[in-house]
Amino acid sequence: MFSREVEVQNQVGLHARPATFFIQKANTFDSGIWVEKDERKVNAKSLLGILSLGITKGVTISIIANGPDEKEAVDSLVDLVMSNFAE
Protein backbone atom coordinates (compact mmCIF):
# COMPACT_ATOMS: atom_id res chain seq x y z
CA MET A 1 0.00 0.00 0.00
CA PHE A 2 1.25 3.45 -0.95
CA SER A 3 -0.29 6.86 -0.24
CA ARG A 4 0.42 10.57 -0.53
CA GLU A 5 -1.40 13.74 0.40
CA VAL A 6 -2.00 16.60 -2.02
CA GLU A 7 -3.78 19.93 -1.78
CA VAL A 8 -6.31 20.67 -4.52
CA GLN A 9 -5.50 24.09 -6.02
CA ASN A 10 -7.65 24.39 -9.14
CA GLN A 11 -10.48 26.92 -9.00
CA VAL A 12 -13.46 24.54 -9.02
CA GLY A 13 -11.95 21.73 -6.95
CA LEU A 14 -12.53 18.12 -7.96
CA HIS A 15 -15.91 18.48 -9.66
CA ALA A 16 -17.36 17.43 -13.04
CA ARG A 17 -14.63 17.87 -15.66
CA PRO A 18 -11.57 17.61 -13.35
CA ALA A 19 -13.13 14.58 -11.64
CA THR A 20 -13.60 12.93 -15.03
CA PHE A 21 -9.91 13.49 -15.87
CA PHE A 22 -8.96 12.07 -12.47
CA ILE A 23 -11.10 8.94 -12.93
CA GLN A 24 -9.85 8.36 -16.48
CA LYS A 25 -6.26 8.48 -15.21
CA ALA A 26 -7.07 6.20 -12.25
CA ASN A 27 -8.61 3.64 -14.62
CA THR A 28 -5.31 3.27 -16.48
CA PHE A 29 -3.82 1.46 -13.46
CA ASP A 30 -4.36 -2.09 -12.22
CA SER A 31 -4.11 -1.19 -8.53
CA GLY A 32 -7.09 -0.48 -6.34
CA ILE A 33 -7.10 3.28 -5.76
CA TRP A 34 -8.97 5.35 -3.17
CA VAL A 35 -9.34 9.02 -2.33
CA GLU A 36 -9.71 9.97 1.32
CA LYS A 37 -11.01 13.25 2.72
CA ASP A 38 -11.94 13.82 6.37
CA GLU A 39 -11.78 10.07 7.11
CA ARG A 40 -14.19 9.24 4.23
CA LYS A 41 -12.64 6.96 1.65
CA VAL A 42 -14.09 6.36 -1.84
CA ASN A 43 -13.06 4.43 -4.92
CA ALA A 44 -10.98 6.74 -7.15
CA LYS A 45 -12.46 5.02 -10.22
CA SER A 46 -16.04 6.04 -9.31
CA LEU A 47 -17.40 9.41 -10.47
CA LEU A 48 -20.20 9.39 -7.90
CA GLY A 49 -17.73 8.47 -5.16
CA ILE A 50 -15.36 11.31 -6.04
CA LEU A 51 -18.18 13.86 -6.38
CA SER A 52 -19.70 12.75 -3.06
CA LEU A 53 -16.59 13.96 -1.22
CA GLY A 54 -17.26 17.59 -2.18
CA ILE A 55 -13.59 18.39 -2.76
CA THR A 56 -13.10 22.15 -3.17
CA LYS A 57 -10.08 24.39 -3.69
CA GLY A 58 -7.66 24.29 -0.77
CA VAL A 59 -8.76 20.87 0.50
CA THR A 60 -6.07 18.28 1.22
CA ILE A 61 -6.85 14.74 0.10
CA SER A 62 -5.02 11.45 0.44
CA ILE A 63 -4.59 9.25 -2.61
CA ILE A 64 -4.10 5.61 -1.62
CA ALA A 65 -3.31 2.65 -3.87
CA ASN A 66 -2.74 -1.04 -3.33
CA GLY A 67 -1.52 -3.30 -6.11
CA PRO A 68 1.20 -3.97 -8.66
CA ASP A 69 1.53 -0.36 -9.85
CA GLU A 70 0.53 1.43 -6.63
CA LYS A 71 3.44 3.91 -6.45
CA GLU A 72 3.16 4.86 -10.12
CA ALA A 73 -0.63 5.28 -9.75
CA VAL A 74 -0.41 7.54 -6.70
CA ASP A 75 2.44 9.62 -8.13
CA SER A 76 0.62 10.06 -11.44
CA LEU A 77 -2.63 11.15 -9.76
CA VAL A 78 -0.81 13.54 -7.41
CA ASP A 79 0.94 15.06 -10.44
CA LEU A 80 -2.45 15.47 -12.17
CA VAL A 81 -3.90 17.28 -9.14
CA MET A 82 -0.79 19.48 -8.82
CA SER A 83 -1.05 20.43 -12.51
CA ASN A 84 -4.55 21.80 -11.81
CA PHE A 85 -5.87 19.19 -14.24
CA ALA A 86 -4.05 20.96 -17.09
CA GLU A 87 -6.39 23.95 -16.87
PDB file of N, CA and C in Angstrom:
ATOM      1  N   MET A   1       0.851  -1.179   0.000  1.00  0.00           N
ATOM      2  CA  MET A   1       0.000   0.000   0.000  1.00  0.00           C
ATOM      3  C   MET A   1       0.893   1.237   0.000  1.00  0.00           C
ATOM      4  N   PHE A   2       0.490   2.213  -0.813  1.00  0.00           N
ATOM      5  CA  PHE A   2       1.255   3.453  -0.951  1.00  0.00           C
ATOM      6  C   PHE A   2       0.269   4.610  -0.951  1.00  0.00           C
ATOM      7  N   SER A   3       0.616   5.701  -0.260  1.00  0.00           N
ATOM      8  CA  SER A   3      -0.287   6.861  -0.245  1.00  0.00           C
ATOM      9  C   SER A   3       0.503   8.155  -0.154  1.00  0.00           C
ATOM     10  N   ARG A   4      -0.134   9.215  -0.630  1.00  0.00           N
ATOM     11  CA  ARG A   4       0.417  10.571  -0.528  1.00  0.00           C
ATOM     12  C   ARG A   4      -0.726  11.545  -0.349  1.00  0.00           C
ATOM     13  N   GLU A   5      -0.412  12.674   0.266  1.00  0.00           N
ATOM     14  CA  GLU A   5      -1.397  13.743   0.399  1.00  0.00           C
ATOM     15  C   GLU A   5      -1.094  14.825  -0.612  1.00  0.00           C
ATOM     16  N   VAL A   6      -2.158  15.504  -1.077  1.00  0.00           N
ATOM     17  CA  VAL A   6      -2.000  16.598  -2.020  1.00  0.00           C
ATOM     18  C   VAL A   6      -3.118  17.604  -1.781  1.00  0.00           C
ATOM     19  N   GLU A   7      -2.781  18.879  -1.927  1.00  0.00           N
ATOM     20  CA  GLU A   7      -3.785  19.933  -1.775  1.00  0.00           C
ATOM     21  C   GLU A   7      -4.328  20.306  -3.150  1.00  0.00           C
ATOM     22  N   VAL A   8      -5.639  20.322  -3.271  1.00  0.00           N
ATOM     23  CA  VAL A   8      -6.306  20.672  -4.524  1.00  0.00           C
ATOM     24  C   VAL A   8      -6.243  22.188  -4.690  1.00  0.00           C
ATOM     25  N   GLN A   9      -5.696  22.659  -5.802  1.00  0.00           N
ATOM     26  CA  GLN A   9      -5.498  24.085  -6.021  1.00  0.00           C
ATOM     27  C   GLN A   9      -6.308  24.665  -7.173  1.00  0.00           C
ATOM     28  N   ASN A  10      -6.915  23.807  -8.025  1.00  0.00           N
ATOM     29  CA  ASN A  10      -7.652  24.387  -9.143  1.00  0.00           C
ATOM     30  C   ASN A  10      -8.923  25.062  -8.648  1.00  0.00           C
ATOM     31  N   GLN A  11      -9.404  26.019  -9.423  1.00  0.00           N
ATOM     32  CA  GLN A  11     -10.476  26.917  -8.997  1.00  0.00           C
ATOM     33  C   GLN A  11     -11.752  26.208  -8.567  1.00  0.00           C
ATOM     34  N   VAL A  12     -12.173  25.179  -9.309  1.00  0.00           N
ATOM     35  CA  VAL A  12     -13.461  24.540  -9.021  1.00  0.00           C
ATOM     36  C   VAL A  12     -13.338  23.292  -8.152  1.00  0.00           C
ATOM     37  N   GLY A  13     -12.134  22.936  -7.746  1.00  0.00           N
ATOM     38  CA  GLY A  13     -11.954  21.731  -6.951  1.00  0.00           C
ATOM     39  C   GLY A  13     -12.050  20.488  -7.828  1.00  0.00           C
ATOM     40  N   LEU A  14     -12.460  19.402  -7.234  1.00  0.00           N
ATOM     41  CA  LEU A  14     -12.532  18.124  -7.955  1.00  0.00           C
ATOM     42  C   LEU A  14     -13.988  17.837  -8.301  1.00  0.00           C
ATOM     43  N   HIS A  15     -14.517  18.607  -9.242  1.00  0.00           N
ATOM     44  CA  HIS A  15     -15.909  18.485  -9.658  1.00  0.00           C
ATOM     45  C   HIS A  15     -15.976  18.274 -11.156  1.00  0.00           C
ATOM     46  N   ALA A  16     -17.024  17.646 -11.635  1.00  0.00           N
ATOM     47  CA  ALA A  16     -17.357  17.434 -13.043  1.00  0.00           C
ATOM     48  C   ALA A  16     -16.159  17.130 -13.934  1.00  0.00           C
ATOM     49  N   ARG A  17     -15.691  18.125 -14.687  1.00  0.00           N
ATOM     50  CA  ARG A  17     -14.627  17.873 -15.664  1.00  0.00           C
ATOM     51  C   ARG A  17     -13.318  17.415 -15.013  1.00  0.00           C
ATOM     52  N   PRO A  18     -12.804  18.098 -13.983  1.00  0.00           N
ATOM     53  CA  PRO A  18     -11.572  17.610 -13.352  1.00  0.00           C
ATOM     54  C   PRO A  18     -11.737  16.200 -12.759  1.00  0.00           C
ATOM     55  N   ALA A  19     -12.895  15.914 -12.202  1.00  0.00           N
ATOM     56  CA  ALA A  19     -13.134  14.581 -11.637  1.00  0.00           C
ATOM     57  C   ALA A  19     -13.097  13.527 -12.733  1.00  0.00           C
ATOM     58  N   THR A  20     -13.625  13.866 -13.902  1.00  0.00           N
ATOM     59  CA  THR A  20     -13.597  12.933 -15.028  1.00  0.00           C
ATOM     60  C   THR A  20     -12.166  12.642 -15.455  1.00  0.00           C
ATOM     61  N   PHE A  21     -11.327  13.689 -15.544  1.00  0.00           N
ATOM     62  CA  PHE A  21      -9.911  13.490 -15.870  1.00  0.00           C
ATOM     63  C   PHE A  21      -9.237  12.589 -14.830  1.00  0.00           C
ATOM     64  N   PHE A  22      -9.543  12.838 -13.568  1.00  0.00           N
ATOM     65  CA  PHE A  22      -8.956  12.074 -12.468  1.00  0.00           C
ATOM     66  C   PHE A  22      -9.332  10.594 -12.589  1.00  0.00           C
ATOM     67  N   ILE A  23     -10.601  10.321 -12.833  1.00  0.00           N
ATOM     68  CA  ILE A  23     -11.097   8.943 -12.931  1.00  0.00           C
ATOM     69  C   ILE A  23     -10.513   8.241 -14.156  1.00  0.00           C
ATOM     70  N   GLN A  24     -10.444   8.952 -15.276  1.00  0.00           N
ATOM     71  CA  GLN A  24      -9.850   8.361 -16.483  1.00  0.00           C
ATOM     72  C   GLN A  24      -8.412   7.947 -16.221  1.00  0.00           C
ATOM     73  N   LYS A  25      -7.654   8.804 -15.535  1.00  0.00           N
ATOM     74  CA  LYS A  25      -6.262   8.478 -15.211  1.00  0.00           C
ATOM     75  C   LYS A  25      -6.204   7.293 -14.243  1.00  0.00           C
ATOM     76  N   ALA A  26      -7.054   7.292 -13.227  1.00  0.00           N
ATOM     77  CA  ALA A  26      -7.072   6.198 -12.245  1.00  0.00           C
ATOM     78  C   ALA A  26      -7.365   4.858 -12.918  1.00  0.00           C
ATOM     79  N   ASN A  27      -8.231   4.879 -13.924  1.00  0.00           N
ATOM     80  CA  ASN A  27      -8.613   3.643 -14.616  1.00  0.00           C
ATOM     81  C   ASN A  27      -7.511   3.069 -15.494  1.00  0.00           C
ATOM     82  N   THR A  28      -6.421   3.801 -15.691  1.00  0.00           N
ATOM     83  CA  THR A  28      -5.308   3.268 -16.484  1.00  0.00           C
ATOM     84  C   THR A  28      -4.398   2.368 -15.652  1.00  0.00           C
ATOM     85  N   PHE A  29      -4.654   2.266 -14.348  1.00  0.00           N
ATOM     86  CA  PHE A  29      -3.818   1.459 -13.458  1.00  0.00           C
ATOM     87  C   PHE A  29      -4.560   0.218 -12.978  1.00  0.00           C
ATOM     88  N   ASP A  30      -3.789  -0.835 -12.702  1.00  0.00           N
ATOM     89  CA  ASP A  30      -4.365  -2.091 -12.225  1.00  0.00           C
ATOM     90  C   ASP A  30      -4.657  -2.070 -10.732  1.00  0.00           C
ATOM     91  N   SER A  31      -3.945  -1.244  -9.989  1.00  0.00           N
ATOM     92  CA  SER A  31      -4.105  -1.191  -8.530  1.00  0.00           C
ATOM     93  C   SER A  31      -5.488  -0.691  -8.134  1.00  0.00           C
ATOM     94  N   GLY A  32      -5.923  -1.093  -6.944  1.00  0.00           N
ATOM     95  CA  GLY A  32      -7.094  -0.478  -6.337  1.00  0.00           C
ATOM     96  C   GLY A  32      -6.675   0.885  -5.828  1.00  0.00           C
ATOM     97  N   ILE A  33      -7.469   1.916  -6.134  1.00  0.00           N
ATOM     98  CA  ILE A  33      -7.095   3.283  -5.763  1.00  0.00           C
ATOM     99  C   ILE A  33      -8.264   3.939  -5.038  1.00  0.00           C
ATOM    100  N   TRP A  34      -7.956   4.662  -3.967  1.00  0.00           N
ATOM    101  CA  TRP A  34      -8.967   5.348  -3.172  1.00  0.00           C
ATOM    102  C   TRP A  34      -8.551   6.795  -2.936  1.00  0.00           C
ATOM    103  N   VAL A  35      -9.554   7.630  -2.730  1.00  0.00           N
ATOM    104  CA  VAL A  35      -9.337   9.020  -2.335  1.00  0.00           C
ATOM    105  C   VAL A  35      -9.967   9.186  -0.966  1.00  0.00           C
ATOM    106  N   GLU A  36      -9.214   9.794  -0.042  1.00  0.00           N
ATOM    107  CA  GLU A  36      -9.711   9.973   1.320  1.00  0.00           C
ATOM    108  C   GLU A  36      -9.732  11.453   1.670  1.00  0.00           C
ATOM    109  N   LYS A  37     -10.854  11.884   2.230  1.00  0.00           N
ATOM    110  CA  LYS A  37     -11.014  13.254   2.719  1.00  0.00           C
ATOM    111  C   LYS A  37     -11.793  13.180   4.025  1.00  0.00           C
ATOM    112  N   ASP A  38     -11.265  13.789   5.061  1.00  0.00           N
ATOM    113  CA  ASP A  38     -11.939  13.817   6.368  1.00  0.00           C
ATOM    114  C   ASP A  38     -12.409  12.429   6.797  1.00  0.00           C
ATOM    115  N   GLU A  39     -11.525  11.447   6.681  1.00  0.00           N
ATOM    116  CA  GLU A  39     -11.783  10.072   7.109  1.00  0.00           C
ATOM    117  C   GLU A  39     -12.856   9.351   6.302  1.00  0.00           C
ATOM    118  N   ARG A  40     -13.302   9.928   5.176  1.00  0.00           N
ATOM    119  CA  ARG A  40     -14.192   9.241   4.229  1.00  0.00           C
ATOM    120  C   ARG A  40     -13.342   8.781   3.068  1.00  0.00           C
ATOM    121  N   LYS A  41     -13.453   7.515   2.714  1.00  0.00           N
ATOM    122  CA  LYS A  41     -12.642   6.957   1.647  1.00  0.00           C
ATOM    123  C   LYS A  41     -13.565   6.418   0.555  1.00  0.00           C
ATOM    124  N   VAL A  42     -13.288   6.815  -0.708  1.00  0.00           N
ATOM    125  CA  VAL A  42     -14.089   6.364  -1.838  1.00  0.00           C
ATOM    126  C   VAL A  42     -13.180   5.806  -2.926  1.00  0.00           C
ATOM    127  N   ASN A  43     -13.765   5.001  -3.788  1.00  0.00           N
ATOM    128  CA  ASN A  43     -13.062   4.429  -4.923  1.00  0.00           C
ATOM    129  C   ASN A  43     -12.708   5.555  -5.901  1.00  0.00           C
ATOM    130  N   ALA A  44     -11.438   5.679  -6.252  1.00  0.00           N
ATOM    131  CA  ALA A  44     -10.977   6.737  -7.153  1.00  0.00           C
ATOM    132  C   ALA A  44     -11.424   6.505  -8.590  1.00  0.00           C
ATOM    133  N   LYS A  45     -12.001   5.333  -8.865  1.00  0.00           N
ATOM    134  CA  LYS A  45     -12.462   5.021 -10.218  1.00  0.00           C
ATOM    135  C   LYS A  45     -13.969   5.215 -10.350  1.00  0.00           C
ATOM    136  N   SER A  46     -14.591   5.834  -9.337  1.00  0.00           N
ATOM    137  CA  SER A  46     -16.035   6.045  -9.307  1.00  0.00           C
ATOM    138  C   SER A  46     -16.356   7.539  -9.325  1.00  0.00           C
ATOM    139  N   LEU A  47     -17.036   7.994 -10.377  1.00  0.00           N
ATOM    140  CA  LEU A  47     -17.397   9.410 -10.472  1.00  0.00           C
ATOM    141  C   LEU A  47     -18.292   9.828  -9.311  1.00  0.00           C
ATOM    142  N   LEU A  48     -19.306   9.035  -9.009  1.00  0.00           N
ATOM    143  CA  LEU A  48     -20.201   9.388  -7.900  1.00  0.00           C
ATOM    144  C   LEU A  48     -19.450   9.421  -6.575  1.00  0.00           C
ATOM    145  N   GLY A  49     -18.523   8.489  -6.394  1.00  0.00           N
ATOM    146  CA  GLY A  49     -17.728   8.472  -5.165  1.00  0.00           C
ATOM    147  C   GLY A  49     -16.910   9.738  -5.010  1.00  0.00           C
ATOM    148  N   ILE A  50     -16.199  10.116  -6.072  1.00  0.00           N
ATOM    149  CA  ILE A  50     -15.363  11.315  -6.037  1.00  0.00           C
ATOM    150  C   ILE A  50     -16.223  12.556  -5.792  1.00  0.00           C
ATOM    151  N   LEU A  51     -17.315  12.682  -6.538  1.00  0.00           N
ATOM    152  CA  LEU A  51     -18.178  13.859  -6.385  1.00  0.00           C
ATOM    153  C   LEU A  51     -18.797  13.934  -4.991  1.00  0.00           C
ATOM    154  N   SER A  52     -19.063  12.773  -4.384  1.00  0.00           N
ATOM    155  CA  SER A  52     -19.700  12.751  -3.062  1.00  0.00           C
ATOM    156  C   SER A  52     -18.808  13.334  -1.971  1.00  0.00           C
ATOM    157  N   LEU A  53     -17.502  13.406  -2.219  1.00  0.00           N
ATOM    158  CA  LEU A  53     -16.588  13.965  -1.217  1.00  0.00           C
ATOM    159  C   LEU A  53     -16.651  15.486  -1.154  1.00  0.00           C
ATOM    160  N   GLY A  54     -17.158  16.125  -2.188  1.00  0.00           N
ATOM    161  CA  GLY A  54     -17.262  17.587  -2.185  1.00  0.00           C
ATOM    162  C   GLY A  54     -15.919  18.268  -2.047  1.00  0.00           C
ATOM    163  N   ILE A  55     -14.954  17.868  -2.849  1.00  0.00           N
ATOM    164  CA  ILE A  55     -13.590  18.394  -2.759  1.00  0.00           C
ATOM    165  C   ILE A  55     -13.531  19.761  -3.438  1.00  0.00           C
ATOM    166  N   THR A  56     -13.182  20.780  -2.666  1.00  0.00           N
ATOM    167  CA  THR A  56     -13.101  22.146  -3.169  1.00  0.00           C
ATOM    168  C   THR A  56     -11.654  22.633  -3.121  1.00  0.00           C
ATOM    169  N   LYS A  57     -11.422  23.806  -3.688  1.00  0.00           N
ATOM    170  CA  LYS A  57     -10.081  24.392  -3.695  1.00  0.00           C
ATOM    171  C   LYS A  57      -9.562  24.542  -2.264  1.00  0.00           C
ATOM    172  N   GLY A  58      -8.297  24.157  -2.071  1.00  0.00           N
ATOM    173  CA  GLY A  58      -7.659  24.293  -0.769  1.00  0.00           C
ATOM    174  C   GLY A  58      -7.794  23.079   0.135  1.00  0.00           C
ATOM    175  N   VAL A  59      -8.562  22.079  -0.295  1.00  0.00           N
ATOM    176  CA  VAL A  59      -8.758  20.868   0.499  1.00  0.00           C
ATOM    177  C   VAL A  59      -7.593  19.908   0.266  1.00  0.00           C
ATOM    178  N   THR A  60      -7.115  19.295   1.328  1.00  0.00           N
ATOM    179  CA  THR A  60      -6.071  18.281   1.219  1.00  0.00           C
ATOM    180  C   THR A  60      -6.715  16.901   1.214  1.00  0.00           C
ATOM    181  N   ILE A  61      -6.338  16.102   0.218  1.00  0.00           N
ATOM    182  CA  ILE A  61      -6.852  14.739   0.099  1.00  0.00           C
ATOM    183  C   ILE A  61      -5.687  13.762   0.162  1.00  0.00           C
ATOM    184  N   SER A  62      -6.003  12.535   0.509  1.00  0.00           N
ATOM    185  CA  SER A  62      -5.025  11.453   0.443  1.00  0.00           C
ATOM    186  C   SER A  62      -5.392  10.564  -0.734  1.00  0.00           C
ATOM    187  N   ILE A  63      -4.393  10.200  -1.515  1.00  0.00           N
ATOM    188  CA  ILE A  63      -4.588   9.248  -2.608  1.00  0.00           C
ATOM    189  C   ILE A  63      -3.861   7.977  -2.199  1.00  0.00           C
ATOM    190  N   ILE A  64      -4.598   6.876  -2.159  1.00  0.00           N
ATOM    191  CA  ILE A  64      -4.097   5.615  -1.624  1.00  0.00           C
ATOM    192  C   ILE A  64      -4.251   4.541  -2.693  1.00  0.00           C
ATOM    193  N   ALA A  65      -3.221   3.742  -2.895  1.00  0.00           N
ATOM    194  CA  ALA A  65      -3.314   2.653  -3.872  1.00  0.00           C
ATOM    195  C   ALA A  65      -2.710   1.389  -3.283  1.00  0.00           C
ATOM    196  N   ASN A  66      -3.233   0.264  -3.753  1.00  0.00           N
ATOM    197  CA  ASN A  66      -2.738  -1.038  -3.330  1.00  0.00           C
ATOM    198  C   ASN A  66      -2.758  -1.956  -4.536  1.00  0.00           C
ATOM    199  N   GLY A  67      -1.589  -2.405  -4.964  1.00  0.00           N
ATOM    200  CA  GLY A  67      -1.523  -3.301  -6.108  1.00  0.00           C
ATOM    201  C   GLY A  67      -0.177  -3.225  -6.801  1.00  0.00           C
ATOM    202  N   PRO A  68      -0.088  -3.836  -7.980  1.00  0.00           N
ATOM    203  CA  PRO A  68       1.203  -3.970  -8.661  1.00  0.00           C
ATOM    204  C   PRO A  68       1.823  -2.650  -9.114  1.00  0.00           C
ATOM    205  N   ASP A  69       1.001  -1.637  -9.385  1.00  0.00           N
ATOM    206  CA  ASP A  69       1.531  -0.356  -9.849  1.00  0.00           C
ATOM    207  C   ASP A  69       1.125   0.788  -8.916  1.00  0.00           C
ATOM    208  N   GLU A  70       1.056   0.481  -7.610  1.00  0.00           N
ATOM    209  CA  GLU A  70       0.530   1.431  -6.626  1.00  0.00           C
ATOM    210  C   GLU A  70       1.315   2.745  -6.561  1.00  0.00           C
ATOM    211  N   LYS A  71       2.644   2.676  -6.545  1.00  0.00           N
ATOM    212  CA  LYS A  71       3.436   3.911  -6.446  1.00  0.00           C
ATOM    213  C   LYS A  71       3.263   4.756  -7.699  1.00  0.00           C
ATOM    214  N   GLU A  72       3.335   4.142  -8.859  1.00  0.00           N
ATOM    215  CA  GLU A  72       3.157   4.865 -10.119  1.00  0.00           C
ATOM    216  C   GLU A  72       1.762   5.493 -10.185  1.00  0.00           C
ATOM    217  N   ALA A  73       0.744   4.765  -9.733  1.00  0.00           N
ATOM    218  CA  ALA A  73      -0.628   5.277  -9.751  1.00  0.00           C
ATOM    219  C   ALA A  73      -0.770   6.509  -8.869  1.00  0.00           C
ATOM    220  N   VAL A  74      -0.292   6.419  -7.642  1.00  0.00           N
ATOM    221  CA  VAL A  74      -0.412   7.539  -6.702  1.00  0.00           C
ATOM    222  C   VAL A  74       0.381   8.742  -7.214  1.00  0.00           C
ATOM    223  N   ASP A  75       1.613   8.517  -7.641  1.00  0.00           N
ATOM    224  CA  ASP A  75       2.443   9.623  -8.128  1.00  0.00           C
ATOM    225  C   ASP A  75       1.799  10.298  -9.338  1.00  0.00           C
ATOM    226  N   SER A  76       1.249   9.516 -10.234  1.00  0.00           N
ATOM    227  CA  SER A  76       0.620  10.064 -11.436  1.00  0.00           C
ATOM    228  C   SER A  76      -0.611  10.894 -11.092  1.00  0.00           C
ATOM    229  N   LEU A  77      -1.425  10.415 -10.158  1.00  0.00           N
ATOM    230  CA  LEU A  77      -2.634  11.146  -9.759  1.00  0.00           C
ATOM    231  C   LEU A  77      -2.286  12.407  -8.966  1.00  0.00           C
ATOM    232  N   VAL A  78      -1.266  12.338  -8.128  1.00  0.00           N
ATOM    233  CA  VAL A  78      -0.811  13.541  -7.411  1.00  0.00           C
ATOM    234  C   VAL A  78      -0.313  14.584  -8.410  1.00  0.00           C
ATOM    235  N   ASP A  79       0.453  14.134  -9.407  1.00  0.00           N
ATOM    236  CA  ASP A  79       0.940  15.062 -10.437  1.00  0.00           C
ATOM    237  C   ASP A  79      -0.228  15.706 -11.178  1.00  0.00           C
ATOM    238  N   LEU A  80      -1.275  14.931 -11.484  1.00  0.00           N
ATOM    239  CA  LEU A  80      -2.454  15.468 -12.167  1.00  0.00           C
ATOM    240  C   LEU A  80      -3.126  16.551 -11.317  1.00  0.00           C
ATOM    241  N   VAL A  81      -3.288  16.292 -10.027  1.00  0.00           N
ATOM    242  CA  VAL A  81      -3.900  17.276  -9.138  1.00  0.00           C
ATOM    243  C   VAL A  81      -3.017  18.528  -9.055  1.00  0.00           C
ATOM    244  N   MET A  82      -1.710  18.340  -8.932  1.00  0.00           N
ATOM    245  CA  MET A  82      -0.795  19.483  -8.816  1.00  0.00           C
ATOM    246  C   MET A  82      -0.726  20.306 -10.100  1.00  0.00           C
ATOM    247  N   SER A  83      -1.055  19.700 -11.237  1.00  0.00           N
ATOM    248  CA  SER A  83      -1.052  20.430 -12.510  1.00  0.00           C
ATOM    249  C   SER A  83      -2.353  21.198 -12.716  1.00  0.00           C
ATOM    250  N   ASN A  84      -3.231  21.178 -11.712  1.00  0.00           N
ATOM    251  CA  ASN A  84      -4.546  21.798 -11.806  1.00  0.00           C
ATOM    252  C   ASN A  84      -5.355  21.216 -12.953  1.00  0.00           C
ATOM    253  N   PHE A  85      -5.142  19.917 -13.214  1.00  0.00           N
ATOM    254  CA  PHE A  85      -5.870  19.186 -14.235  1.00  0.00           C
ATOM    255  C   PHE A  85      -5.666  19.823 -15.611  1.00  0.00           C
ATOM    256  N   ALA A  86      -4.459  20.353 -15.818  1.00  0.00           N
ATOM    257  CA  ALA A  86      -4.045  20.956 -17.094  1.00  0.00           C
ATOM    258  C   ALA A  86      -4.955  22.089 -17.529  1.00  0.00           C
ATOM    259  N   GLU A  87      -5.514  22.807 -16.554  1.00  0.00           N
ATOM    260  CA  GLU A  87      -6.388  23.949 -16.873  1.00  0.00           C
ATOM    261  C   GLU A  87      -5.563  25.209 -17.051  1.00  0.00           C
TER     262      GLU A  87
END
